[in-house]
Amino acid sequence: MPALPNRRHERLAEALAAGIPPDEALIVAGYKARGIAARLAGRADIAGRVRELVGAHQVPPPQPSPASGRGGMAHTVAEMNTLPAVIPGPVPGISIPGSAPETEIPGTSPGMTAALEASASVADLPSRPAPTRQWVLERLVDNVERALQLADPKDPATEASARTKYDGSVANRALELLGKELGMFTERSENQHTLHDISDQPLTPDQWAKRHVGDA
């Protein structure tokens, strides 16, 4: 059986064949996620490669680690023989034959590679044009119709009718903005003026009393 086409799968098989515990072998192979060693080791191609390497003695026995002890290799091989031949489901971040190839960027961690790919995908999206006056007015009208339950909008993704809820405050605010934009409202101010008659004639006693004594 030739070496596995996936380099990390081959390194994992070599580490398992050398008796390294599955979790440590996963790190040796270059993976950072823990808890998936048993699922990887259960792949038919990796398990077969491990048995081939162990049988051919192509991998030198490793130094026992404090966690594994002297029986690490025998225990690992015994576990290998009892592992299922098929993974129950796809493992995130690991290439599977027949699936999309795994992309790696030299000098970056898998997390950084995923972030860079995500940012590149966002950069490729078409930019949305800046809102125009007409667009704003249309949105305000739409808010009024929804708030007053005058329209039955539909979800563009599902074409399903969405129920609207009456909201007078939203409608009033949208109408206020529309009215100001259309010049329908003007600022009103109330002015009070007091007019005094000026005469060159002296006041009569009754006029003087009415003006000065009557107000007291």
N, C-alpha and C. Protein backbone atom coordinates (compact mmCIF):
# COMPACT_ATOMS: atom_id res chain seq x y z
N MET A 1 0.86 -1.18 0.00
CA MET A 1 0.00 0.00 0.00
C MET A 1 0.90 1.24 0.00
N PRO A 2 0.72 2.12 -0.95
CA PRO A 2 1.58 3.32 -1.01
C PRO A 2 1.24 4.29 0.11
N ALA A 3 2.10 5.30 0.25
CA ALA A 3 1.85 6.33 1.26
C ALA A 3 0.54 7.05 0.95
N LEU A 4 -0.15 7.48 2.00
CA LEU A 4 -1.43 8.16 1.81
C LEU A 4 -1.22 9.48 1.10
N PRO A 5 -2.12 9.88 0.21
CA PRO A 5 -1.94 11.13 -0.54
C PRO A 5 -2.00 12.37 0.36
N ASN A 6 -2.75 12.29 1.45
CA ASN A 6 -2.82 13.42 2.38
C ASN A 6 -1.64 13.32 3.34
N ARG A 7 -0.80 14.35 3.36
CA ARG A 7 0.42 14.30 4.16
C ARG A 7 0.13 14.16 5.65
N ARG A 8 -0.88 14.87 6.11
CA ARG A 8 -1.17 14.78 7.53
C ARG A 8 -1.76 13.42 7.90
N HIS A 9 -2.54 12.84 7.01
CA HIS A 9 -3.02 11.48 7.26
C HIS A 9 -1.85 10.50 7.33
N GLU A 10 -0.86 10.67 6.45
CA GLU A 10 0.30 9.78 6.46
C GLU A 10 1.09 9.95 7.75
N ARG A 11 1.28 11.21 8.19
CA ARG A 11 2.01 11.44 9.44
C ARG A 11 1.25 10.86 10.63
N LEU A 12 -0.09 10.96 10.60
CA LEU A 12 -0.89 10.39 11.67
C LEU A 12 -0.75 8.88 11.70
N ALA A 13 -0.77 8.24 10.52
CA ALA A 13 -0.62 6.79 10.45
C ALA A 13 0.75 6.37 10.97
N GLU A 14 1.80 7.09 10.60
CA GLU A 14 3.14 6.76 11.08
C GLU A 14 3.24 6.90 12.59
N ALA A 15 2.63 7.97 13.13
CA ALA A 15 2.69 8.16 14.58
C ALA A 15 1.93 7.08 15.32
N LEU A 16 0.76 6.70 14.81
CA LEU A 16 -0.01 5.62 15.45
C LEU A 16 0.72 4.29 15.36
N ALA A 17 1.34 4.05 14.20
CA ALA A 17 2.08 2.80 14.05
C ALA A 17 3.28 2.76 14.97
N ALA A 18 3.82 3.93 15.32
CA ALA A 18 4.96 3.98 16.23
C ALA A 18 4.54 3.85 17.68
N GLY A 19 3.25 3.72 17.94
CA GLY A 19 2.78 3.51 19.29
C GLY A 19 2.45 4.78 20.04
N ILE A 20 2.44 5.89 19.38
CA ILE A 20 2.09 7.15 20.05
C ILE A 20 0.58 7.15 20.29
N PRO A 21 0.16 7.54 21.50
CA PRO A 21 -1.28 7.58 21.79
C PRO A 21 -2.02 8.44 20.77
N PRO A 22 -3.30 8.13 20.51
CA PRO A 22 -4.03 8.83 19.45
C PRO A 22 -4.03 10.36 19.60
N ASP A 23 -4.28 10.85 20.83
CA ASP A 23 -4.34 12.32 21.00
C ASP A 23 -2.98 12.96 20.71
N GLU A 24 -1.89 12.32 21.15
CA GLU A 24 -0.57 12.87 20.88
C GLU A 24 -0.21 12.72 19.41
N ALA A 25 -0.63 11.61 18.80
CA ALA A 25 -0.34 11.41 17.38
C ALA A 25 -1.04 12.47 16.54
N LEU A 26 -2.21 12.88 16.98
CA LEU A 26 -2.94 13.92 16.26
C LEU A 26 -2.14 15.21 16.22
N ILE A 27 -1.50 15.56 17.35
CA ILE A 27 -0.69 16.78 17.40
C ILE A 27 0.56 16.61 16.55
N VAL A 28 1.17 15.43 16.61
CA VAL A 28 2.37 15.17 15.81
C VAL A 28 2.06 15.33 14.32
N ALA A 29 0.84 14.95 13.91
CA ALA A 29 0.47 15.03 12.50
C ALA A 29 0.15 16.45 12.06
N GLY A 30 0.05 17.36 13.02
CA GLY A 30 -0.19 18.74 12.64
C GLY A 30 -1.57 19.26 12.94
N TYR A 31 -2.43 18.44 13.56
CA TYR A 31 -3.77 18.89 13.91
C TYR A 31 -3.75 19.52 15.30
N LYS A 32 -4.63 20.48 15.50
CA LYS A 32 -4.71 21.13 16.80
C LYS A 32 -5.98 20.73 17.55
N ALA A 33 -7.01 20.31 16.85
CA ALA A 33 -8.24 19.90 17.53
C ALA A 33 -8.03 18.56 18.20
N ARG A 34 -8.51 18.41 19.42
CA ARG A 34 -8.37 17.16 20.14
C ARG A 34 -9.72 16.45 20.16
N GLY A 35 -9.70 15.15 20.47
CA GLY A 35 -10.93 14.40 20.60
C GLY A 35 -11.40 13.75 19.32
N ILE A 36 -10.65 13.89 18.22
CA ILE A 36 -11.07 13.28 16.96
C ILE A 36 -10.07 12.23 16.49
N ALA A 37 -9.10 11.91 17.35
CA ALA A 37 -8.08 10.94 16.95
C ALA A 37 -8.69 9.58 16.64
N ALA A 38 -9.63 9.12 17.49
CA ALA A 38 -10.24 7.82 17.27
C ALA A 38 -11.01 7.79 15.95
N ARG A 39 -11.67 8.89 15.62
CA ARG A 39 -12.44 8.93 14.37
C ARG A 39 -11.52 8.91 13.16
N LEU A 40 -10.38 9.61 13.26
CA LEU A 40 -9.43 9.59 12.16
C LEU A 40 -8.79 8.21 12.02
N ALA A 41 -8.42 7.64 13.16
CA ALA A 41 -7.77 6.34 13.11
C ALA A 41 -8.70 5.26 12.56
N GLY A 42 -10.02 5.50 12.66
CA GLY A 42 -10.98 4.53 12.16
C GLY A 42 -11.17 4.57 10.65
N ARG A 43 -10.55 5.54 9.97
CA ARG A 43 -10.64 5.56 8.51
C ARG A 43 -9.98 4.29 7.95
N ALA A 44 -10.60 3.74 6.95
CA ALA A 44 -10.09 2.48 6.38
C ALA A 44 -8.69 2.66 5.83
N ASP A 45 -8.42 3.80 5.16
CA ASP A 45 -7.10 3.97 4.56
C ASP A 45 -6.03 4.19 5.63
N ILE A 46 -6.35 4.97 6.68
CA ILE A 46 -5.36 5.21 7.73
C ILE A 46 -5.11 3.95 8.53
N ALA A 47 -6.19 3.21 8.89
CA ALA A 47 -6.01 1.97 9.65
C ALA A 47 -5.20 0.95 8.86
N GLY A 48 -5.48 0.86 7.56
CA GLY A 48 -4.71 -0.07 6.74
C GLY A 48 -3.25 0.31 6.63
N ARG A 49 -3.00 1.60 6.53
CA ARG A 49 -1.61 2.07 6.45
C ARG A 49 -0.88 1.80 7.76
N VAL A 50 -1.56 1.97 8.90
CA VAL A 50 -0.93 1.71 10.20
C VAL A 50 -0.55 0.24 10.31
N ARG A 51 -1.48 -0.65 9.93
CA ARG A 51 -1.16 -2.09 10.01
C ARG A 51 0.00 -2.46 9.08
N GLU A 52 0.03 -1.79 7.91
CA GLU A 52 1.13 -2.07 7.00
C GLU A 52 2.47 -1.61 7.57
N LEU A 53 2.48 -0.43 8.17
CA LEU A 53 3.72 0.10 8.74
C LEU A 53 4.19 -0.75 9.93
N VAL A 54 3.23 -1.18 10.76
CA VAL A 54 3.60 -2.00 11.91
C VAL A 54 4.14 -3.35 11.44
N GLY A 55 3.48 -3.93 10.42
CA GLY A 55 3.93 -5.23 9.94
C GLY A 55 5.28 -5.18 9.25
N ALA A 56 5.55 -4.09 8.55
CA ALA A 56 6.80 -3.97 7.81
C ALA A 56 7.93 -3.40 8.66
N HIS A 57 7.61 -2.98 9.89
CA HIS A 57 8.62 -2.41 10.79
C HIS A 57 9.32 -1.22 10.14
N GLN A 58 8.53 -0.39 9.48
CA GLN A 58 9.12 0.79 8.84
C GLN A 58 9.27 1.95 9.81
N VAL A 59 8.64 1.86 10.97
CA VAL A 59 8.70 2.95 11.93
C VAL A 59 9.42 2.45 13.17
N PRO A 60 10.49 3.14 13.63
CA PRO A 60 11.21 2.68 14.82
C PRO A 60 10.35 2.86 16.06
N PRO A 61 10.51 1.95 17.06
CA PRO A 61 9.71 2.07 18.29
C PRO A 61 10.00 3.39 18.97
N PRO A 62 8.98 4.13 19.41
CA PRO A 62 9.20 5.42 20.06
C PRO A 62 9.56 5.25 21.51
N GLN A 63 10.09 6.33 22.12
CA GLN A 63 10.36 6.34 23.54
C GLN A 63 9.02 6.47 24.26
N PRO A 64 8.75 5.63 25.27
CA PRO A 64 7.45 5.71 25.96
C PRO A 64 7.31 7.04 26.67
N SER A 65 6.13 7.68 26.50
CA SER A 65 5.87 8.94 27.18
C SER A 65 5.29 8.67 28.55
N PRO A 66 5.37 9.64 29.47
CA PRO A 66 4.82 9.42 30.82
C PRO A 66 3.35 9.05 30.80
N ALA A 67 2.62 9.54 29.79
CA ALA A 67 1.18 9.25 29.77
C ALA A 67 0.90 7.85 29.25
N SER A 68 1.74 7.36 28.33
CA SER A 68 1.44 6.08 27.69
C SER A 68 2.10 4.90 28.39
N GLY A 69 3.35 5.05 28.90
CA GLY A 69 4.04 3.94 29.54
C GLY A 69 4.57 2.97 28.53
N ARG A 70 5.04 1.80 29.01
CA ARG A 70 5.66 0.81 28.12
C ARG A 70 4.63 0.12 27.25
N GLY A 71 3.43 0.00 27.73
CA GLY A 71 2.43 -0.72 26.95
C GLY A 71 1.70 0.15 25.96
N GLY A 72 2.24 1.34 25.65
CA GLY A 72 1.53 2.27 24.77
C GLY A 72 1.31 1.69 23.39
N MET A 73 2.34 1.05 22.81
CA MET A 73 2.22 0.57 21.43
C MET A 73 1.24 -0.59 21.35
N ALA A 74 1.34 -1.55 22.26
CA ALA A 74 0.45 -2.70 22.21
C ALA A 74 -0.99 -2.25 22.42
N HIS A 75 -1.17 -1.30 23.33
CA HIS A 75 -2.53 -0.83 23.59
C HIS A 75 -3.09 -0.11 22.37
N THR A 76 -2.24 0.67 21.69
CA THR A 76 -2.72 1.42 20.52
C THR A 76 -3.08 0.46 19.39
N VAL A 77 -2.26 -0.53 19.14
CA VAL A 77 -2.55 -1.48 18.07
C VAL A 77 -3.81 -2.26 18.38
N ALA A 78 -4.00 -2.63 19.64
CA ALA A 78 -5.22 -3.34 20.01
C ALA A 78 -6.44 -2.48 19.77
N GLU A 79 -6.32 -1.21 20.11
CA GLU A 79 -7.44 -0.32 19.85
C GLU A 79 -7.69 -0.17 18.35
N MET A 80 -6.61 -0.13 17.57
CA MET A 80 -6.75 0.01 16.12
C MET A 80 -7.56 -1.13 15.52
N ASN A 81 -7.36 -2.36 16.05
CA ASN A 81 -8.04 -3.52 15.49
C ASN A 81 -9.53 -3.53 15.81
N THR A 82 -9.94 -2.75 16.83
CA THR A 82 -11.34 -2.75 17.22
C THR A 82 -12.08 -1.51 16.75
N LEU A 83 -11.36 -0.59 16.10
CA LEU A 83 -12.00 0.65 15.66
C LEU A 83 -12.83 0.40 14.41
N PRO A 84 -13.94 1.14 14.24
CA PRO A 84 -14.74 0.96 13.02
C PRO A 84 -13.97 1.39 11.79
N ALA A 85 -14.36 0.84 10.66
CA ALA A 85 -13.63 1.10 9.42
C ALA A 85 -14.12 2.37 8.73
N VAL A 86 -15.25 2.93 9.18
CA VAL A 86 -15.82 4.09 8.51
C VAL A 86 -16.08 5.16 9.55
N ILE A 87 -15.75 6.38 9.23
CA ILE A 87 -16.04 7.51 10.13
C ILE A 87 -17.54 7.78 10.09
N PRO A 88 -18.19 8.04 11.27
CA PRO A 88 -19.63 8.30 11.25
C PRO A 88 -20.01 9.52 10.45
N GLY A 89 -19.18 10.51 10.41
CA GLY A 89 -19.52 11.73 9.68
C GLY A 89 -18.26 12.48 9.33
N PRO A 90 -18.36 13.55 8.54
CA PRO A 90 -17.17 14.32 8.15
C PRO A 90 -16.55 15.03 9.35
N VAL A 91 -15.25 15.14 9.34
CA VAL A 91 -14.52 15.81 10.41
C VAL A 91 -14.13 17.19 9.92
N PRO A 92 -14.54 18.27 10.63
CA PRO A 92 -14.20 19.62 10.16
C PRO A 92 -12.70 19.82 10.08
N GLY A 93 -12.25 20.46 8.99
CA GLY A 93 -10.84 20.79 8.84
C GLY A 93 -9.99 19.68 8.30
N ILE A 94 -10.57 18.50 7.95
CA ILE A 94 -9.79 17.35 7.48
C ILE A 94 -10.33 16.95 6.11
N SER A 95 -9.44 16.81 5.15
CA SER A 95 -9.87 16.47 3.80
C SER A 95 -10.29 15.01 3.73
N ILE A 96 -11.37 14.73 3.06
CA ILE A 96 -11.91 13.39 2.88
C ILE A 96 -11.86 13.08 1.38
N PRO A 97 -11.45 11.85 1.01
CA PRO A 97 -11.42 11.51 -0.41
C PRO A 97 -12.77 11.77 -1.06
N GLY A 98 -12.75 12.44 -2.20
CA GLY A 98 -13.97 12.76 -2.91
C GLY A 98 -14.56 14.11 -2.55
N SER A 99 -14.01 14.77 -1.50
CA SER A 99 -14.50 16.08 -1.10
C SER A 99 -13.56 17.15 -1.60
N ALA A 100 -13.88 18.40 -1.29
CA ALA A 100 -13.04 19.51 -1.74
C ALA A 100 -11.67 19.42 -1.08
N PRO A 101 -10.58 19.68 -1.78
CA PRO A 101 -9.24 19.59 -1.20
C PRO A 101 -9.06 20.62 -0.11
N GLU A 102 -8.23 20.26 0.86
CA GLU A 102 -7.94 21.14 1.98
C GLU A 102 -6.97 22.22 1.55
N THR A 103 -7.28 23.46 1.89
CA THR A 103 -6.45 24.59 1.49
C THR A 103 -5.63 25.04 2.68
N GLU A 104 -4.34 25.16 2.52
CA GLU A 104 -3.46 25.63 3.57
C GLU A 104 -2.63 26.78 3.03
N ILE A 105 -2.45 27.81 3.86
CA ILE A 105 -1.63 28.95 3.51
C ILE A 105 -0.34 28.83 4.30
N PRO A 106 0.82 28.74 3.66
CA PRO A 106 2.08 28.57 4.39
C PRO A 106 2.29 29.70 5.39
N GLY A 107 2.78 29.32 6.58
CA GLY A 107 3.09 30.30 7.60
C GLY A 107 1.91 30.76 8.42
N THR A 108 0.72 30.16 8.22
CA THR A 108 -0.45 30.55 8.99
C THR A 108 -1.05 29.31 9.63
N SER A 109 -1.75 29.54 10.76
CA SER A 109 -2.44 28.46 11.43
C SER A 109 -3.74 28.16 10.70
N PRO A 110 -4.36 26.98 10.97
CA PRO A 110 -5.64 26.68 10.31
C PRO A 110 -6.70 27.74 10.59
N GLY A 111 -6.74 28.27 11.84
CA GLY A 111 -7.72 29.31 12.16
C GLY A 111 -7.48 30.58 11.37
N MET A 112 -6.20 30.97 11.22
CA MET A 112 -5.89 32.16 10.45
C MET A 112 -6.21 31.96 8.98
N THR A 113 -5.95 30.75 8.49
CA THR A 113 -6.28 30.46 7.09
C THR A 113 -7.77 30.60 6.84
N ALA A 114 -8.59 30.08 7.75
CA ALA A 114 -10.04 30.21 7.60
C ALA A 114 -10.48 31.66 7.64
N ALA A 115 -9.85 32.46 8.52
CA ALA A 115 -10.22 33.87 8.61
C ALA A 115 -9.87 34.61 7.33
N LEU A 116 -8.68 34.31 6.77
CA LEU A 116 -8.27 34.96 5.54
C LEU A 116 -9.20 34.59 4.38
N GLU A 117 -9.58 33.30 4.33
CA GLU A 117 -10.48 32.88 3.27
C GLU A 117 -11.84 33.55 3.41
N ALA A 118 -12.33 33.70 4.66
CA ALA A 118 -13.62 34.36 4.88
C ALA A 118 -13.57 35.82 4.47
N SER A 119 -12.46 36.50 4.84
CA SER A 119 -12.36 37.91 4.47
C SER A 119 -12.26 38.08 2.96
N ALA A 120 -11.57 37.15 2.29
CA ALA A 120 -11.48 37.22 0.83
C ALA A 120 -12.85 37.02 0.18
N SER A 121 -13.67 36.12 0.79
CA SER A 121 -15.00 35.90 0.24
C SER A 121 -15.86 37.15 0.40
N VAL A 122 -15.73 37.83 1.55
CA VAL A 122 -16.51 39.05 1.76
C VAL A 122 -16.06 40.14 0.80
N ALA A 123 -14.73 40.21 0.54
CA ALA A 123 -14.22 41.24 -0.36
C ALA A 123 -14.72 41.03 -1.78
N ASP A 124 -15.02 39.77 -2.13
CA ASP A 124 -15.49 39.49 -3.49
C ASP A 124 -16.96 39.86 -3.69
N LEU A 125 -17.70 40.11 -2.59
CA LEU A 125 -19.12 40.43 -2.74
C LEU A 125 -19.29 41.79 -3.39
N PRO A 126 -20.30 41.94 -4.24
CA PRO A 126 -20.53 43.25 -4.88
C PRO A 126 -20.93 44.29 -3.84
N SER A 127 -20.43 45.51 -3.97
CA SER A 127 -20.73 46.57 -3.03
C SER A 127 -22.12 47.13 -3.31
N ARG A 128 -22.87 47.44 -2.25
CA ARG A 128 -24.22 47.97 -2.40
C ARG A 128 -24.14 49.47 -2.66
N PRO A 129 -24.91 49.98 -3.63
CA PRO A 129 -24.86 51.42 -3.91
C PRO A 129 -25.35 52.23 -2.73
N ALA A 130 -24.89 53.47 -2.64
CA ALA A 130 -25.28 54.35 -1.55
C ALA A 130 -26.76 54.70 -1.65
N PRO A 131 -27.45 54.80 -0.50
CA PRO A 131 -28.88 55.15 -0.54
C PRO A 131 -29.10 56.52 -1.19
N THR A 132 -30.17 56.62 -1.94
CA THR A 132 -30.54 57.87 -2.58
C THR A 132 -31.76 58.46 -1.87
N ARG A 133 -32.09 59.71 -2.24
CA ARG A 133 -33.27 60.37 -1.65
C ARG A 133 -34.53 59.58 -1.97
N GLN A 134 -34.64 59.08 -3.19
CA GLN A 134 -35.82 58.31 -3.59
C GLN A 134 -35.91 57.02 -2.78
N TRP A 135 -34.77 56.40 -2.55
CA TRP A 135 -34.75 55.14 -1.77
C TRP A 135 -35.22 55.39 -0.34
N VAL A 136 -34.76 56.49 0.27
CA VAL A 136 -35.17 56.82 1.63
C VAL A 136 -36.67 57.08 1.70
N LEU A 137 -37.18 57.83 0.73
CA LEU A 137 -38.61 58.11 0.72
C LEU A 137 -39.43 56.83 0.57
N GLU A 138 -38.97 55.93 -0.27
CA GLU A 138 -39.69 54.67 -0.46
C GLU A 138 -39.70 53.84 0.82
N ARG A 139 -38.56 53.87 1.56
CA ARG A 139 -38.51 53.11 2.81
C ARG A 139 -39.44 53.72 3.85
N LEU A 140 -39.52 55.06 3.90
CA LEU A 140 -40.43 55.71 4.84
C LEU A 140 -41.88 55.36 4.53
N VAL A 141 -42.23 55.38 3.24
CA VAL A 141 -43.60 54.99 2.84
C VAL A 141 -43.86 53.55 3.22
N ASP A 142 -42.89 52.70 3.02
CA ASP A 142 -43.03 51.29 3.38
C ASP A 142 -43.26 51.13 4.88
N ASN A 143 -42.53 51.92 5.70
CA ASN A 143 -42.71 51.86 7.15
C ASN A 143 -44.11 52.31 7.55
N VAL A 144 -44.61 53.35 6.89
CA VAL A 144 -45.96 53.83 7.19
C VAL A 144 -46.99 52.74 6.88
N GLU A 145 -46.86 52.12 5.72
CA GLU A 145 -47.83 51.10 5.31
C GLU A 145 -47.79 49.89 6.25
N ARG A 146 -46.59 49.53 6.67
CA ARG A 146 -46.50 48.39 7.59
C ARG A 146 -47.04 48.75 8.97
N ALA A 147 -46.67 49.93 9.46
CA ALA A 147 -47.10 50.32 10.80
C ALA A 147 -48.61 50.49 10.88
N LEU A 148 -49.23 50.95 9.81
CA LEU A 148 -50.68 51.14 9.77
C LEU A 148 -51.41 49.92 9.22
N GLN A 149 -50.67 48.85 8.94
CA GLN A 149 -51.25 47.62 8.41
C GLN A 149 -51.98 47.86 7.09
N LEU A 150 -51.42 48.78 6.29
CA LEU A 150 -52.01 49.06 4.98
C LEU A 150 -51.49 48.11 3.90
N ALA A 151 -50.37 47.45 4.18
CA ALA A 151 -49.77 46.55 3.20
C ALA A 151 -49.46 45.23 3.87
N ASP A 152 -49.38 44.19 3.06
CA ASP A 152 -49.03 42.86 3.54
C ASP A 152 -47.71 42.48 2.91
N PRO A 153 -46.58 42.90 3.50
CA PRO A 153 -45.28 42.66 2.85
C PRO A 153 -44.96 41.18 2.78
N LYS A 154 -44.11 40.85 1.84
CA LYS A 154 -43.69 39.47 1.66
C LYS A 154 -42.19 39.36 1.84
N ASP A 155 -41.80 38.23 2.39
CA ASP A 155 -40.38 37.96 2.57
C ASP A 155 -39.80 37.63 1.20
N PRO A 156 -38.80 38.40 0.72
CA PRO A 156 -38.26 38.12 -0.62
C PRO A 156 -37.61 36.75 -0.73
N ALA A 157 -37.17 36.17 0.41
CA ALA A 157 -36.49 34.87 0.36
C ALA A 157 -37.49 33.73 0.23
N THR A 158 -38.64 33.84 0.91
CA THR A 158 -39.60 32.75 0.92
C THR A 158 -40.90 33.09 0.23
N GLU A 159 -41.09 34.39 -0.14
CA GLU A 159 -42.33 34.85 -0.74
C GLU A 159 -43.52 34.59 0.17
N ALA A 160 -43.26 34.44 1.46
CA ALA A 160 -44.34 34.20 2.40
C ALA A 160 -44.80 35.52 2.99
N SER A 161 -46.11 35.66 3.16
CA SER A 161 -46.64 36.90 3.70
C SER A 161 -46.24 37.04 5.16
N ALA A 162 -45.79 38.22 5.53
CA ALA A 162 -45.40 38.49 6.91
C ALA A 162 -46.45 39.37 7.56
N ARG A 163 -46.95 38.96 8.69
CA ARG A 163 -47.97 39.73 9.37
C ARG A 163 -47.35 40.98 9.99
N THR A 164 -48.06 42.10 9.84
CA THR A 164 -47.57 43.35 10.40
C THR A 164 -48.37 43.69 11.64
N LYS A 165 -47.76 44.46 12.52
CA LYS A 165 -48.39 44.87 13.76
C LYS A 165 -48.57 46.37 13.76
N TYR A 166 -49.75 46.82 14.17
CA TYR A 166 -50.02 48.25 14.18
C TYR A 166 -49.10 48.94 15.18
N ASP A 167 -48.48 50.03 14.73
CA ASP A 167 -47.57 50.81 15.57
C ASP A 167 -47.73 52.27 15.19
N GLY A 168 -48.57 52.98 15.94
CA GLY A 168 -48.85 54.36 15.61
C GLY A 168 -47.65 55.28 15.72
N SER A 169 -46.77 55.03 16.70
CA SER A 169 -45.60 55.90 16.87
C SER A 169 -44.66 55.81 15.68
N VAL A 170 -44.48 54.61 15.16
CA VAL A 170 -43.62 54.44 13.99
C VAL A 170 -44.23 55.14 12.78
N ALA A 171 -45.53 54.98 12.61
CA ALA A 171 -46.20 55.61 11.47
C ALA A 171 -46.14 57.13 11.58
N ASN A 172 -46.39 57.67 12.77
CA ASN A 172 -46.37 59.12 12.95
C ASN A 172 -44.98 59.70 12.68
N ARG A 173 -43.95 59.01 13.16
CA ARG A 173 -42.59 59.50 12.94
C ARG A 173 -42.24 59.47 11.46
N ALA A 174 -42.60 58.38 10.78
CA ALA A 174 -42.32 58.29 9.34
C ALA A 174 -43.08 59.35 8.56
N LEU A 175 -44.34 59.59 8.94
CA LEU A 175 -45.13 60.63 8.27
C LEU A 175 -44.54 62.02 8.52
N GLU A 176 -44.04 62.24 9.73
CA GLU A 176 -43.42 63.53 10.04
C GLU A 176 -42.20 63.77 9.17
N LEU A 177 -41.37 62.77 9.02
CA LEU A 177 -40.18 62.92 8.18
C LEU A 177 -40.56 63.12 6.71
N LEU A 178 -41.57 62.38 6.26
CA LEU A 178 -42.02 62.56 4.88
C LEU A 178 -42.58 63.97 4.67
N GLY A 179 -43.39 64.44 5.62
CA GLY A 179 -43.98 65.77 5.47
C GLY A 179 -42.93 66.87 5.45
N LYS A 180 -41.89 66.75 6.29
CA LYS A 180 -40.82 67.75 6.30
C LYS A 180 -40.05 67.72 4.99
N GLU A 181 -39.80 66.52 4.49
CA GLU A 181 -39.05 66.41 3.24
C GLU A 181 -39.83 67.01 2.07
N LEU A 182 -41.15 66.86 2.09
CA LEU A 182 -41.99 67.37 1.01
C LEU A 182 -42.41 68.82 1.24
N GLY A 183 -41.97 69.46 2.33
CA GLY A 183 -42.30 70.86 2.59
C GLY A 183 -43.73 71.09 2.99
N MET A 184 -44.37 70.09 3.59
CA MET A 184 -45.77 70.21 3.97
C MET A 184 -45.94 70.89 5.32
N PHE A 185 -44.89 70.92 6.12
CA PHE A 185 -44.99 71.51 7.45
C PHE A 185 -44.14 72.78 7.49
N THR A 186 -44.67 73.83 8.15
CA THR A 186 -43.92 75.08 8.34
C THR A 186 -43.92 75.42 9.82
N GLU A 187 -42.86 76.02 10.25
CA GLU A 187 -42.76 76.43 11.65
C GLU A 187 -43.69 77.62 11.90
N ARG A 188 -44.51 77.53 12.92
CA ARG A 188 -45.45 78.60 13.25
C ARG A 188 -45.05 79.24 14.58
N SER A 189 -45.11 80.57 14.63
CA SER A 189 -44.80 81.30 15.85
C SER A 189 -45.89 82.33 16.09
N GLU A 190 -46.31 82.47 17.31
CA GLU A 190 -47.39 83.38 17.67
C GLU A 190 -46.80 84.63 18.31
N ASN A 191 -47.09 85.78 17.73
CA ASN A 191 -46.59 87.06 18.24
C ASN A 191 -47.75 87.88 18.80
N GLN A 192 -47.57 88.41 19.95
CA GLN A 192 -48.57 89.27 20.57
C GLN A 192 -48.06 90.71 20.60
N HIS A 193 -48.86 91.61 20.13
CA HIS A 193 -48.48 93.03 20.07
C HIS A 193 -49.49 93.85 20.88
N THR A 194 -49.01 94.80 21.60
CA THR A 194 -49.85 95.74 22.36
C THR A 194 -49.76 97.11 21.72
N LEU A 195 -50.90 97.64 21.31
CA LEU A 195 -50.95 98.94 20.64
C LEU A 195 -51.40 100.02 21.62
N HIS A 196 -50.72 101.12 21.60
CA HIS A 196 -51.08 102.24 22.45
C HIS A 196 -51.40 103.44 21.56
N ASP A 197 -52.53 104.10 21.85
CA ASP A 197 -52.91 105.31 21.12
C ASP A 197 -52.22 106.53 21.75
N ILE A 198 -51.62 107.30 20.89
CA ILE A 198 -50.94 108.51 21.35
C ILE A 198 -51.79 109.72 20.95
N SER A 199 -52.08 110.55 21.94
CA SER A 199 -52.92 111.73 21.69
C SER A 199 -52.29 112.95 22.37
N ASP A 200 -52.52 114.10 21.75
CA ASP A 200 -51.99 115.32 22.34
C ASP A 200 -52.96 115.96 23.32
N GLN A 201 -54.10 115.31 23.54
CA GLN A 201 -55.09 115.81 24.46
C GLN A 201 -54.84 115.25 25.86
N PRO A 202 -54.99 116.09 26.87
CA PRO A 202 -54.79 115.57 28.24
C PRO A 202 -55.90 114.61 28.62
N LEU A 203 -55.58 113.72 29.55
CA LEU A 203 -56.57 112.75 30.01
C LEU A 203 -57.60 113.42 30.90
N THR A 204 -58.84 112.98 30.76
CA THR A 204 -59.89 113.44 31.65
C THR A 204 -59.74 112.73 32.99
N PRO A 205 -60.33 113.25 34.05
CA PRO A 205 -60.24 112.56 35.36
C PRO A 205 -60.74 111.12 35.30
N ASP A 206 -61.80 110.87 34.56
CA ASP A 206 -62.31 109.49 34.45
C ASP A 206 -61.30 108.59 33.72
N GLN A 207 -60.71 109.11 32.64
CA GLN A 207 -59.72 108.32 31.89
C GLN A 207 -58.48 108.03 32.75
N TRP A 208 -58.05 109.05 33.51
CA TRP A 208 -56.88 108.84 34.36
C TRP A 208 -57.17 107.81 35.43
N ALA A 209 -58.35 107.89 36.04
CA ALA A 209 -58.73 106.95 37.09
C ALA A 209 -58.86 105.54 36.53
N LYS A 210 -59.44 105.40 35.33
CA LYS A 210 -59.61 104.08 34.73
C LYS A 210 -58.26 103.44 34.41
N ARG A 211 -57.29 104.25 33.97
CA ARG A 211 -56.00 103.72 33.57
C ARG A 211 -55.13 103.38 34.78
N HIS A 212 -55.16 104.26 35.80
CA HIS A 212 -54.22 104.09 36.90
C HIS A 212 -54.85 103.53 38.15
N VAL A 213 -56.09 103.88 38.42
CA VAL A 213 -56.73 103.42 39.64
C VAL A 213 -57.50 102.13 39.40
N GLY A 214 -58.10 102.01 38.25
CA GLY A 214 -58.91 100.82 37.98
C GLY A 214 -58.09 99.54 37.91
N ASP A 215 -56.80 99.61 37.52
CA ASP A 215 -55.96 98.41 37.42
C ASP A 215 -55.36 98.01 38.75
N ALA A 216 -55.48 98.88 39.77
CA ALA A 216 -54.84 98.59 41.06
C ALA A 216 -55.60 97.52 41.81
